[in-house]
Amino acid sequence: MQDLATKFANLTIQSDFIFKKVMSRKRICKHLLEELLQIEIADINYLEAEKTLEPEYTSRGIRLDIIVADDKNTHYNLEMQVKNNKNSETDTYVLPKRSRYYQALLDIDLLQKGQPYDLLPPTFIIFICVFDFFEQDNYVYTFKKCCLENRELELPDEATTMLLNTKGTHGDISKDIKSFYDYVNNHIVTTDFTKQIDDEISYLKLDTKVRREFMLMEARLLDERREGIAEGKEIGLVEGKEIGIAKEKLATAKRLFGMGFSVQDIATATSLPIEQVKALQAEQA
């Protein structure tokens, strides 16, 4: 298993963490949307990166990588998809229903802010897939609602879903989108656009604040995964799992001390009481 420093050094645009950081650069995100949709965008505003949408009714929250709105109030959600996951219980791929779920909750979030439903803005849910979901070799698969009895009749709800296929070979895409695909697939820089992206990633990896943010995030995720192991297990196993998780938290804290993290940062990352972290610090001294 890679240590966190090595894992951070090896991150690429396919990583959710790096993708979010790169697309948080306005000039890069704006150009990607312009080239993909072949439109001109005067400006974009970030609504909230990696936002958790949790409606009031009982449902599971989702985390969205990038949400932006342009000068015409069109809303865009950009997501990087590296794995074509399957539901083991139904033996079906989850991406189609996931796209439906993202669209529904994005609309609900707008409605909860007091937006009348008839004034909902145009939306684009865009998945950048490092696989060909439909196995048709298209560069892009674009979906809108249409009438089954008359395919040329479209429902004007202004909701669009796009599945980008970085492995595609067919269709019309711009030079910069093709170069972006090549960069996602193989880390190949062929245009000024992908050089901007590559330079941005290099800059991010030199930023100690970004490095610290990644390591704290990974430590929290590791603890969450370990805590989740105990859920649903028999009562007799729960205590043993909890003891194991507590030991793993202590081990994580020791590693973070070795990397120079503060007592407060380690307490936040591991969810250990700050007094316990201070005691561990004294033992390490």
C-alpha atoms as a PDB file:
ATOM      1  CA  MET A   1       0.000   0.000   0.000  1.00  0.00           C
ATOM      2  CA  GLN A   2       1.357   3.422  -0.968  1.00  0.00           C
ATOM      3  CA  ASP A   3       2.072   5.905   1.810  1.00  0.00           C
ATOM      4  CA  LEU A   4       0.147   9.163   1.577  1.00  0.00           C
ATOM      5  CA  ALA A   5       3.094  11.211   0.325  1.00  0.00           C
ATOM      6  CA  THR A   6       3.692   8.812  -2.571  1.00  0.00           C
ATOM      7  CA  LYS A   7      -0.019   8.606  -3.334  1.00  0.00           C
ATOM      8  CA  PHE A   8      -0.223  12.405  -3.492  1.00  0.00           C
ATOM      9  CA  ALA A   9       2.808  12.612  -5.791  1.00  0.00           C
ATOM     10  CA  ASN A  10       1.221  10.079  -8.173  1.00  0.00           C
ATOM     11  CA  LEU A  11      -2.182  11.779  -8.437  1.00  0.00           C
ATOM     12  CA  THR A  12      -3.439  12.560 -11.952  1.00  0.00           C
ATOM     13  CA  ILE A  13      -6.416  14.398 -13.458  1.00  0.00           C
ATOM     14  CA  GLN A  14      -8.399  11.178 -12.981  1.00  0.00           C
ATOM     15  CA  SER A  15      -8.310  11.712  -9.222  1.00  0.00           C
ATOM     16  CA  ASP A  16     -11.452  13.425  -7.885  1.00  0.00           C
ATOM     17  CA  PHE A  17      -9.243  15.546  -5.643  1.00  0.00           C
ATOM     18  CA  ILE A  18      -7.030  16.838  -8.477  1.00  0.00           C
ATOM     19  CA  PHE A  19      -9.926  17.121 -10.938  1.00  0.00           C
ATOM     20  CA  LYS A  20     -11.808  19.332  -8.504  1.00  0.00           C
ATOM     21  CA  LYS A  21      -8.755  21.528  -7.923  1.00  0.00           C
ATOM     22  CA  VAL A  22      -7.986  21.916 -11.641  1.00  0.00           C
ATOM     23  CA  MET A  23     -11.589  22.660 -12.600  1.00  0.00           C
ATOM     24  CA  SER A  24     -11.723  25.238  -9.829  1.00  0.00           C
ATOM     25  CA  ARG A  25      -9.473  27.339 -12.080  1.00  0.00           C
ATOM     26  CA  LYS A  26     -11.985  29.455 -13.965  1.00  0.00           C
ATOM     27  CA  ARG A  27     -10.039  29.761 -17.217  1.00  0.00           C
ATOM     28  CA  ILE A  28      -9.669  25.958 -17.499  1.00  0.00           C
ATOM     29  CA  CYS A  29     -13.246  25.051 -16.597  1.00  0.00           C
ATOM     30  CA  LYS A  30     -14.697  27.779 -18.818  1.00  0.00           C
ATOM     31  CA  HIS A  31     -12.588  26.741 -21.813  1.00  0.00           C
ATOM     32  CA  LEU A  32     -13.507  23.072 -21.371  1.00  0.00           C
ATOM     33  CA  LEU A  33     -17.224  23.929 -21.427  1.00  0.00           C
ATOM     34  CA  GLU A  34     -16.838  26.241 -24.421  1.00  0.00           C
ATOM     35  CA  GLU A  35     -14.929  23.650 -26.438  1.00  0.00           C
ATOM     36  CA  LEU A  36     -17.254  20.801 -25.493  1.00  0.00           C
ATOM     37  CA  LEU A  37     -20.493  22.646 -26.243  1.00  0.00           C
ATOM     38  CA  GLN A  38     -19.081  24.873 -29.002  1.00  0.00           C
ATOM     39  CA  ILE A  39     -20.488  28.010 -27.400  1.00  0.00           C
ATOM     40  CA  GLU A  40     -19.082  31.265 -26.063  1.00  0.00           C
ATOM     41  CA  ILE A  41     -19.345  31.864 -22.325  1.00  0.00           C
ATOM     42  CA  ALA A  42     -18.691  35.353 -20.987  1.00  0.00           C
ATOM     43  CA  ASP A  43     -18.118  34.222 -17.412  1.00  0.00           C
ATOM     44  CA  ILE A  44     -18.806  31.423 -14.935  1.00  0.00           C
ATOM     45  CA  ASN A  45     -19.454  31.449 -11.209  1.00  0.00           C
ATOM     46  CA  TYR A  46     -18.743  28.578  -8.855  1.00  0.00           C
ATOM     47  CA  LEU A  47     -21.762  27.668  -6.765  1.00  0.00           C
ATOM     48  CA  GLU A  48     -19.980  25.210  -4.493  1.00  0.00           C
ATOM     49  CA  ALA A  49     -17.364  22.613  -5.353  1.00  0.00           C
ATOM     50  CA  GLU A  50     -17.926  19.064  -4.090  1.00  0.00           C
ATOM     51  CA  LYS A  51     -21.240  20.116  -2.611  1.00  0.00           C
ATOM     52  CA  THR A  52     -23.345  17.662  -0.643  1.00  0.00           C
ATOM     53  CA  LEU A  53     -26.999  17.838  -1.654  1.00  0.00           C
ATOM     54  CA  GLU A  54     -29.251  16.438   1.040  1.00  0.00           C
ATOM     55  CA  PRO A  55     -32.980  17.069   0.513  1.00  0.00           C
ATOM     56  CA  GLU A  56     -35.318  17.239   3.480  1.00  0.00           C
ATOM     57  CA  TYR A  57     -36.973  13.947   2.693  1.00  0.00           C
ATOM     58  CA  THR A  58     -35.172  10.743   3.569  1.00  0.00           C
ATOM     59  CA  SER A  59     -32.493  10.133   0.984  1.00  0.00           C
ATOM     60  CA  ARG A  60     -28.785   9.643   0.651  1.00  0.00           C
ATOM     61  CA  GLY A  61     -26.661  12.726   0.097  1.00  0.00           C
ATOM     62  CA  ILE A  62     -24.479  12.987  -2.988  1.00  0.00           C
ATOM     63  CA  ARG A  63     -21.263  14.857  -3.445  1.00  0.00           C
ATOM     64  CA  LEU A  64     -20.882  16.861  -6.625  1.00  0.00           C
ATOM     65  CA  ASP A  65     -17.381  17.680  -7.841  1.00  0.00           C
ATOM     66  CA  ILE A  66     -17.934  20.955  -9.673  1.00  0.00           C
ATOM     67  CA  ILE A  67     -21.089  23.075 -10.048  1.00  0.00           C
ATOM     68  CA  VAL A  68     -20.907  26.294 -12.061  1.00  0.00           C
ATOM     69  CA  ALA A  69     -23.376  28.733 -13.608  1.00  0.00           C
ATOM     70  CA  ASP A  70     -22.603  30.834 -16.663  1.00  0.00           C
ATOM     71  CA  ASP A  71     -23.625  34.396 -17.505  1.00  0.00           C
ATOM     72  CA  LYS A  72     -26.928  33.106 -18.977  1.00  0.00           C
ATOM     73  CA  ASN A  73     -27.718  31.177 -15.761  1.00  0.00           C
ATOM     74  CA  THR A  74     -27.151  27.766 -17.335  1.00  0.00           C
ATOM     75  CA  HIS A  75     -25.960  25.405 -14.611  1.00  0.00           C
ATOM     76  CA  TYR A  76     -23.258  22.785 -15.223  1.00  0.00           C
ATOM     77  CA  ASN A  77     -22.228  19.840 -13.077  1.00  0.00           C
ATOM     78  CA  LEU A  78     -18.898  18.241 -14.031  1.00  0.00           C
ATOM     79  CA  GLU A  79     -17.953  14.807 -12.718  1.00  0.00           C
ATOM     80  CA  MET A  80     -14.945  12.551 -13.303  1.00  0.00           C
ATOM     81  CA  GLN A  81     -15.869   8.845 -13.606  1.00  0.00           C
ATOM     82  CA  VAL A  82     -12.989   6.378 -13.566  1.00  0.00           C
ATOM     83  CA  LYS A  83     -14.853   3.145 -12.791  1.00  0.00           C
ATOM     84  CA  ASN A  84     -17.971   1.720 -14.437  1.00  0.00           C
ATOM     85  CA  ASN A  85     -19.462   0.425 -11.199  1.00  0.00           C
ATOM     86  CA  LYS A  86     -22.102  -2.277 -10.932  1.00  0.00           C
ATOM     87  CA  ASN A  87     -24.726  -2.937  -8.287  1.00  0.00           C
ATOM     88  CA  SER A  88     -23.864  -6.429  -7.068  1.00  0.00           C
ATOM     89  CA  GLU A  89     -27.436  -7.109  -5.983  1.00  0.00           C
ATOM     90  CA  THR A  90     -29.113  -6.216  -9.300  1.00  0.00           C
ATOM     91  CA  ASP A  91     -26.111  -6.882 -11.582  1.00  0.00           C
ATOM     92  CA  THR A  92     -26.767  -3.569 -13.346  1.00  0.00           C
ATOM     93  CA  TYR A  93     -24.465  -0.626 -13.982  1.00  0.00           C
ATOM     94  CA  VAL A  94     -25.189   2.340 -11.744  1.00  0.00           C
ATOM     95  CA  LEU A  95     -24.232   5.265 -14.009  1.00  0.00           C
ATOM     96  CA  PRO A  96     -27.626   5.774 -15.749  1.00  0.00           C
ATOM     97  CA  LYS A  97     -29.577   5.927 -12.482  1.00  0.00           C
ATOM     98  CA  ARG A  98     -26.817   7.990 -10.932  1.00  0.00           C
ATOM     99  CA  SER A  99     -27.192  10.601 -13.673  1.00  0.00           C
ATOM    100  CA  ARG A 100     -30.951  10.681 -13.043  1.00  0.00           C
ATOM    101  CA  TYR A 101     -30.368  11.072  -9.314  1.00  0.00           C
ATOM    102  CA  TYR A 102     -27.863  13.904  -9.794  1.00  0.00           C
ATOM    103  CA  GLN A 103     -30.276  15.763 -12.051  1.00  0.00           C
ATOM    104  CA  ALA A 104     -33.181  15.361  -9.625  1.00  0.00           C
ATOM    105  CA  LEU A 105     -31.284  16.562  -6.592  1.00  0.00           C
ATOM    106  CA  LEU A 106     -29.723  19.465  -8.456  1.00  0.00           C
ATOM    107  CA  ASP A 107     -33.219  20.630  -9.389  1.00  0.00           C
ATOM    108  CA  ILE A 108     -34.492  20.106  -5.846  1.00  0.00           C
ATOM    109  CA  ASP A 109     -31.627  22.173  -4.470  1.00  0.00           C
ATOM    110  CA  LEU A 110     -32.643  25.058  -6.743  1.00  0.00           C
ATOM    111  CA  LEU A 111     -36.314  24.695  -5.763  1.00  0.00           C
ATOM    112  CA  GLN A 112     -35.473  24.708  -2.066  1.00  0.00           C
ATOM    113  CA  LYS A 113     -33.864  28.108  -2.554  1.00  0.00           C
ATOM    114  CA  GLY A 114     -37.263  29.457  -3.618  1.00  0.00           C
ATOM    115  CA  GLN A 115     -36.851  29.070  -7.372  1.00  0.00           C
ATOM    116  CA  PRO A 116     -40.305  28.507  -9.018  1.00  0.00           C
ATOM    117  CA  TYR A 117     -40.233  25.249 -10.975  1.00  0.00           C
ATOM    118  CA  ASP A 118     -41.180  26.993 -14.230  1.00  0.00           C
ATOM    119  CA  LEU A 119     -38.085  29.191 -13.865  1.00  0.00           C
ATOM    120  CA  LEU A 120     -35.623  26.347 -13.319  1.00  0.00           C
ATOM    121  CA  PRO A 121     -32.475  27.138 -15.321  1.00  0.00           C
ATOM    122  CA  PRO A 122     -31.053  24.988 -18.127  1.00  0.00           C
ATOM    123  CA  THR A 123     -28.791  22.285 -16.713  1.00  0.00           C
ATOM    124  CA  PHE A 124     -26.001  20.069 -18.034  1.00  0.00           C
ATOM    125  CA  ILE A 125     -24.940  16.981 -16.082  1.00  0.00           C
ATOM    126  CA  ILE A 126     -21.569  16.039 -17.602  1.00  0.00           C
ATOM    127  CA  PHE A 127     -19.761  12.798 -16.759  1.00  0.00           C
ATOM    128  CA  ILE A 128     -16.177  12.499 -17.998  1.00  0.00           C
ATOM    129  CA  CYS A 129     -15.869   8.712 -18.294  1.00  0.00           C
ATOM    130  CA  VAL A 130     -12.576   6.864 -18.657  1.00  0.00           C
ATOM    131  CA  PHE A 131     -14.529   4.008 -20.262  1.00  0.00           C
ATOM    132  CA  ASP A 132     -17.095   3.572 -23.031  1.00  0.00           C
ATOM    133  CA  PHE A 133     -20.375   2.910 -21.234  1.00  0.00           C
ATOM    134  CA  PHE A 134     -22.350   2.148 -24.420  1.00  0.00           C
ATOM    135  CA  GLU A 135     -19.460   0.514 -26.311  1.00  0.00           C
ATOM    136  CA  GLN A 136     -20.314   2.440 -29.482  1.00  0.00           C
ATOM    137  CA  ASP A 137     -16.923   4.233 -29.712  1.00  0.00           C
ATOM    138  CA  ASN A 138     -18.538   7.691 -29.657  1.00  0.00           C
ATOM    139  CA  TYR A 139     -16.565  10.568 -28.201  1.00  0.00           C
ATOM    140  CA  VAL A 140     -19.726  11.992 -26.657  1.00  0.00           C
ATOM    141  CA  TYR A 141     -23.193  10.634 -25.836  1.00  0.00           C
ATOM    142  CA  THR A 142     -25.741  13.443 -25.353  1.00  0.00           C
ATOM    143  CA  PHE A 143     -29.216  12.802 -23.964  1.00  0.00           C
ATOM    144  CA  LYS A 144     -32.409  14.841 -23.931  1.00  0.00           C
ATOM    145  CA  LYS A 145     -35.994  13.684 -23.510  1.00  0.00           C
ATOM    146  CA  CYS A 146     -37.832  12.961 -26.764  1.00  0.00           C
ATOM    147  CA  CYS A 147     -41.186  11.524 -27.834  1.00  0.00           C
ATOM    148  CA  LEU A 148     -41.085   7.798 -28.633  1.00  0.00           C
ATOM    149  CA  GLU A 149     -43.807   8.188 -31.247  1.00  0.00           C
ATOM    150  CA  ASN A 150     -41.976  11.059 -32.956  1.00  0.00           C
ATOM    151  CA  ARG A 151     -38.239  11.061 -32.306  1.00  0.00           C
ATOM    152  CA  GLU A 152     -37.882  14.591 -33.680  1.00  0.00           C
ATOM    153  CA  LEU A 153     -40.243  15.918 -30.987  1.00  0.00           C
ATOM    154  CA  GLU A 154     -38.205  16.992 -27.952  1.00  0.00           C
ATOM    155  CA  LEU A 155     -39.482  17.812 -24.472  1.00  0.00           C
ATOM    156  CA  PRO A 156     -38.163  21.355 -23.814  1.00  0.00           C
ATOM    157  CA  ASP A 157     -37.305  20.871 -20.143  1.00  0.00           C
ATOM    158  CA  GLU A 158     -33.775  22.214 -20.797  1.00  0.00           C
ATOM    159  CA  ALA A 159     -32.133  19.310 -18.972  1.00  0.00           C
ATOM    160  CA  THR A 160     -29.203  17.657 -20.738  1.00  0.00           C
ATOM    161  CA  THR A 161     -27.034  14.726 -19.711  1.00  0.00           C
ATOM    162  CA  MET A 162     -23.701  14.104 -21.433  1.00  0.00           C
ATOM    163  CA  LEU A 163     -21.464  11.063 -21.063  1.00  0.00           C
ATOM    164  CA  LEU A 164     -18.006  11.828 -22.413  1.00  0.00           C
ATOM    165  CA  ASN A 165     -15.994   8.814 -23.529  1.00  0.00           C
ATOM    166  CA  THR A 166     -12.268   9.519 -23.338  1.00  0.00           C
ATOM    167  CA  LYS A 167     -11.638   6.200 -25.136  1.00  0.00           C
ATOM    168  CA  GLY A 168     -13.854   7.162 -28.097  1.00  0.00           C
ATOM    169  CA  THR A 169     -12.913   7.247 -31.772  1.00  0.00           C
ATOM    170  CA  HIS A 170     -16.092   8.469 -33.527  1.00  0.00           C
ATOM    171  CA  GLY A 171     -17.788  11.842 -33.754  1.00  0.00           C
ATOM    172  CA  ASP A 172     -16.894  15.498 -34.048  1.00  0.00           C
ATOM    173  CA  ILE A 173     -15.006  17.088 -31.183  1.00  0.00           C
ATOM    174  CA  SER A 174     -12.628  20.022 -31.102  1.00  0.00           C
ATOM    175  CA  LYS A 175      -8.857  19.708 -31.070  1.00  0.00           C
ATOM    176  CA  ASP A 176      -8.718  20.814 -27.442  1.00  0.00           C
ATOM    177  CA  ILE A 177     -11.325  18.265 -26.326  1.00  0.00           C
ATOM    178  CA  LYS A 178      -9.406  15.492 -28.107  1.00  0.00           C
ATOM    179  CA  SER A 179      -6.196  16.656 -26.442  1.00  0.00           C
ATOM    180  CA  PHE A 180      -8.029  16.709 -23.091  1.00  0.00           C
ATOM    181  CA  TYR A 181      -9.113  13.097 -23.652  1.00  0.00           C
ATOM    182  CA  ASP A 182      -5.526  12.108 -24.461  1.00  0.00           C
ATOM    183  CA  TYR A 183      -4.324  13.846 -21.328  1.00  0.00           C
ATOM    184  CA  VAL A 184      -6.919  12.107 -19.136  1.00  0.00           C
ATOM    185  CA  ASN A 185      -6.067   8.723 -20.659  1.00  0.00           C
ATOM    186  CA  ASN A 186      -2.293   8.850 -20.946  1.00  0.00           C
ATOM    187  CA  HIS A 187      -1.025  12.113 -19.429  1.00  0.00           C
ATOM    188  CA  ILE A 188       0.017  13.311 -22.897  1.00  0.00           C
ATOM    189  CA  VAL A 189       0.406  17.074 -23.418  1.00  0.00           C
ATOM    190  CA  THR A 190      -0.384  17.998 -27.039  1.00  0.00           C
ATOM    191  CA  THR A 191      -1.927  21.498 -26.908  1.00  0.00           C
ATOM    192  CA  ASP A 192      -1.664  24.739 -24.969  1.00  0.00           C
ATOM    193  CA  PHE A 193      -4.869  23.753 -23.169  1.00  0.00           C
ATOM    194  CA  THR A 194      -3.478  20.498 -21.795  1.00  0.00           C
ATOM    195  CA  LYS A 195      -0.216  22.254 -20.971  1.00  0.00           C
ATOM    196  CA  GLN A 196      -2.216  24.668 -18.813  1.00  0.00           C
ATOM    197  CA  ILE A 197      -3.797  21.700 -17.049  1.00  0.00           C
ATOM    198  CA  ASP A 198      -0.469  19.925 -16.606  1.00  0.00           C
ATOM    199  CA  ASP A 199       1.188  23.070 -15.266  1.00  0.00           C
ATOM    200  CA  GLU A 200      -1.673  23.572 -12.835  1.00  0.00           C
ATOM    201  CA  ILE A 201      -1.302  20.025 -11.498  1.00  0.00           C
ATOM    202  CA  SER A 202       2.447  20.513 -11.089  1.00  0.00           C
ATOM    203  CA  TYR A 203       1.797  23.735  -9.199  1.00  0.00           C
ATOM    204  CA  LEU A 204      -0.778  22.033  -6.956  1.00  0.00           C
ATOM    205  CA  LYS A 205       1.680  19.285  -6.036  1.00  0.00           C
ATOM    206  CA  LEU A 206       4.204  21.902  -4.890  1.00  0.00           C
ATOM    207  CA  ASP A 207       1.642  23.614  -2.682  1.00  0.00           C
ATOM    208  CA  THR A 208       2.109  22.449   0.922  1.00  0.00           C
ATOM    209  CA  LYS A 209      -1.447  23.527   1.837  1.00  0.00           C
ATOM    210  CA  VAL A 210      -2.897  21.341  -0.926  1.00  0.00           C
ATOM    211  CA  ARG A 211      -0.693  18.442   0.162  1.00  0.00           C
ATOM    212  CA  ARG A 212      -1.862  18.830   3.767  1.00  0.00           C
ATOM    213  CA  GLU A 213      -5.499  19.034   2.669  1.00  0.00           C
ATOM    214  CA  PHE A 214      -5.166  15.785   0.698  1.00  0.00           C
ATOM    215  CA  MET A 215      -3.510  13.923   3.561  1.00  0.00           C
ATOM    216  CA  LEU A 216      -6.112  15.029   6.078  1.00  0.00           C
ATOM    217  CA  MET A 217      -8.884  14.091   3.666  1.00  0.00           C
ATOM    218  CA  GLU A 218      -7.369  10.624   3.119  1.00  0.00           C
ATOM    219  CA  ALA A 219      -6.988  10.091   6.860  1.00  0.00           C
ATOM    220  CA  ARG A 220     -10.644  10.993   7.421  1.00  0.00           C
ATOM    221  CA  LEU A 221     -11.796   8.726   4.598  1.00  0.00           C
ATOM    222  CA  LEU A 222      -9.712   5.876   5.960  1.00  0.00           C
ATOM    223  CA  ASP A 223     -11.304   6.243   9.369  1.00  0.00           C
ATOM    224  CA  GLU A 224     -14.786   6.431   7.842  1.00  0.00           C
ATOM    225  CA  ARG A 225     -14.184   3.220   5.886  1.00  0.00           C
ATOM    226  CA  ARG A 226     -12.908   1.442   8.954  1.00  0.00           C
ATOM    227  CA  GLU A 227     -15.807   2.639  11.069  1.00  0.00           C
ATOM    228  CA  GLY A 228     -18.227   1.458   8.383  1.00  0.00           C
ATOM    229  CA  ILE A 229     -16.893  -2.085   8.667  1.00  0.00           C
ATOM    230  CA  ALA A 230     -18.537  -2.407  12.070  1.00  0.00           C
ATOM    231  CA  GLU A 231     -22.009  -1.445  10.835  1.00  0.00           C
ATOM    232  CA  GLY A 232     -24.452  -4.296  10.426  1.00  0.00           C
ATOM    233  CA  LYS A 233     -22.205  -6.842  12.153  1.00  0.00           C
ATOM    234  CA  GLU A 234     -23.315  -9.029  15.024  1.00  0.00           C
ATOM    235  CA  ILE A 235     -23.217  -7.393  18.448  1.00  0.00           C
ATOM    236  CA  GLY A 236     -20.530  -9.798  19.593  1.00  0.00           C
ATOM    237  CA  LEU A 237     -18.229  -8.560  16.817  1.00  0.00           C
ATOM    238  CA  VAL A 238     -18.915  -4.864  17.202  1.00  0.00           C
ATOM    239  CA  GLU A 239     -16.773  -4.364  20.279  1.00  0.00           C
ATOM    240  CA  GLY A 240     -13.844  -6.119  18.640  1.00  0.00           C
ATOM    241  CA  LYS A 241     -14.225  -4.009  15.515  1.00  0.00           C
ATOM    242  CA  GLU A 242     -14.348  -0.831  17.580  1.00  0.00           C
ATOM    243  CA  ILE A 243     -11.172  -1.794  19.374  1.00  0.00           C
ATOM    244  CA  GLY A 244      -9.539  -2.442  16.023  1.00  0.00           C
ATOM    245  CA  ILE A 245     -10.731   0.904  14.668  1.00  0.00           C
ATOM    246  CA  ALA A 246      -9.411   2.682  17.766  1.00  0.00           C
ATOM    247  CA  LYS A 247      -6.019   1.072  17.219  1.00  0.00           C
ATOM    248  CA  GLU A 248      -6.057   2.107  13.567  1.00  0.00           C
ATOM    249  CA  LYS A 249      -6.853   5.686  14.582  1.00  0.00           C
ATOM    250  CA  LEU A 250      -3.868   5.679  16.917  1.00  0.00           C
ATOM    251  CA  ALA A 251      -1.678   4.282  14.148  1.00  0.00           C
ATOM    252  CA  THR A 252      -2.936   6.991  11.776  1.00  0.00           C
ATOM    253  CA  ALA A 253      -2.223   9.651  14.403  1.00  0.00           C
ATOM    254  CA  LYS A 254       1.343   8.374  14.841  1.00  0.00           C
ATOM    255  CA  ARG A 255       1.941   8.518  11.086  1.00  0.00           C
ATOM    256  CA  LEU A 256       0.610  12.077  10.927  1.00  0.00           C
ATOM    257  CA  PHE A 257       2.885  13.094  13.812  1.00  0.00           C
ATOM    258  CA  GLY A 258       5.786  11.713  11.813  1.00  0.00           C
ATOM    259  CA  MET A 259       4.732  13.937   8.901  1.00  0.00           C
ATOM    260  CA  GLY A 260       4.764  17.044  11.072  1.00  0.00           C
ATOM    261  CA  PHE A 261       1.023  17.615  11.506  1.00  0.00           C
ATOM    262  CA  SER A 262      -0.213  19.598  14.510  1.00  0.00           C
ATOM    263  CA  VAL A 263      -2.172  18.178  17.442  1.00  0.00           C
ATOM    264  CA  GLN A 264      -5.329  20.002  16.265  1.00  0.00           C
ATOM    265  CA  ASP A 265      -5.026  18.725  12.672  1.00  0.00           C
ATOM    266  CA  ILE A 266      -4.509  15.148  13.858  1.00  0.00           C
ATOM    267  CA  ALA A 267      -7.463  15.329  16.245  1.00  0.00           C
ATOM    268  CA  THR A 268      -9.642  16.597  13.374  1.00  0.00           C
ATOM    269  CA  ALA A 269      -8.428  13.950  10.925  1.00  0.00           C
ATOM    270  CA  THR A 270      -8.763  10.965  13.285  1.00  0.00           C
ATOM    271  CA  SER A 271     -11.725  12.098  15.440  1.00  0.00           C
ATOM    272  CA  LEU A 272      -9.634  11.299  18.532  1.00  0.00           C
ATOM    273  CA  PRO A 273     -10.116  13.492  21.637  1.00  0.00           C
ATOM    274  CA  ILE A 274      -7.511  16.229  21.676  1.00  0.00           C
ATOM    275  CA  GLU A 275      -6.383  15.108  25.160  1.00  0.00           C
ATOM    276  CA  GLN A 276      -5.641  11.644  23.804  1.00  0.00           C
ATOM    277  CA  VAL A 277      -3.700  13.135  20.869  1.00  0.00           C
ATOM    278  CA  LYS A 278      -1.667  15.272  23.302  1.00  0.00           C
ATOM    279  CA  ALA A 279      -0.912  12.198  25.399  1.00  0.00           C
ATOM    280  CA  LEU A 280       0.207  10.353  22.266  1.00  0.00           C
ATOM    281  CA  GLN A 281       2.413  13.335  21.373  1.00  0.00           C
ATOM    282  CA  ALA A 282       4.088  13.087  24.784  1.00  0.00           C
ATOM    283  CA  GLU A 283       4.733   9.384  24.216  1.00  0.00           C
ATOM    284  CA  GLN A 284       6.257  10.152  20.817  1.00  0.00           C
ATOM    285  CA  ALA A 285       8.617  12.779  22.266  1.00  0.00           C
END
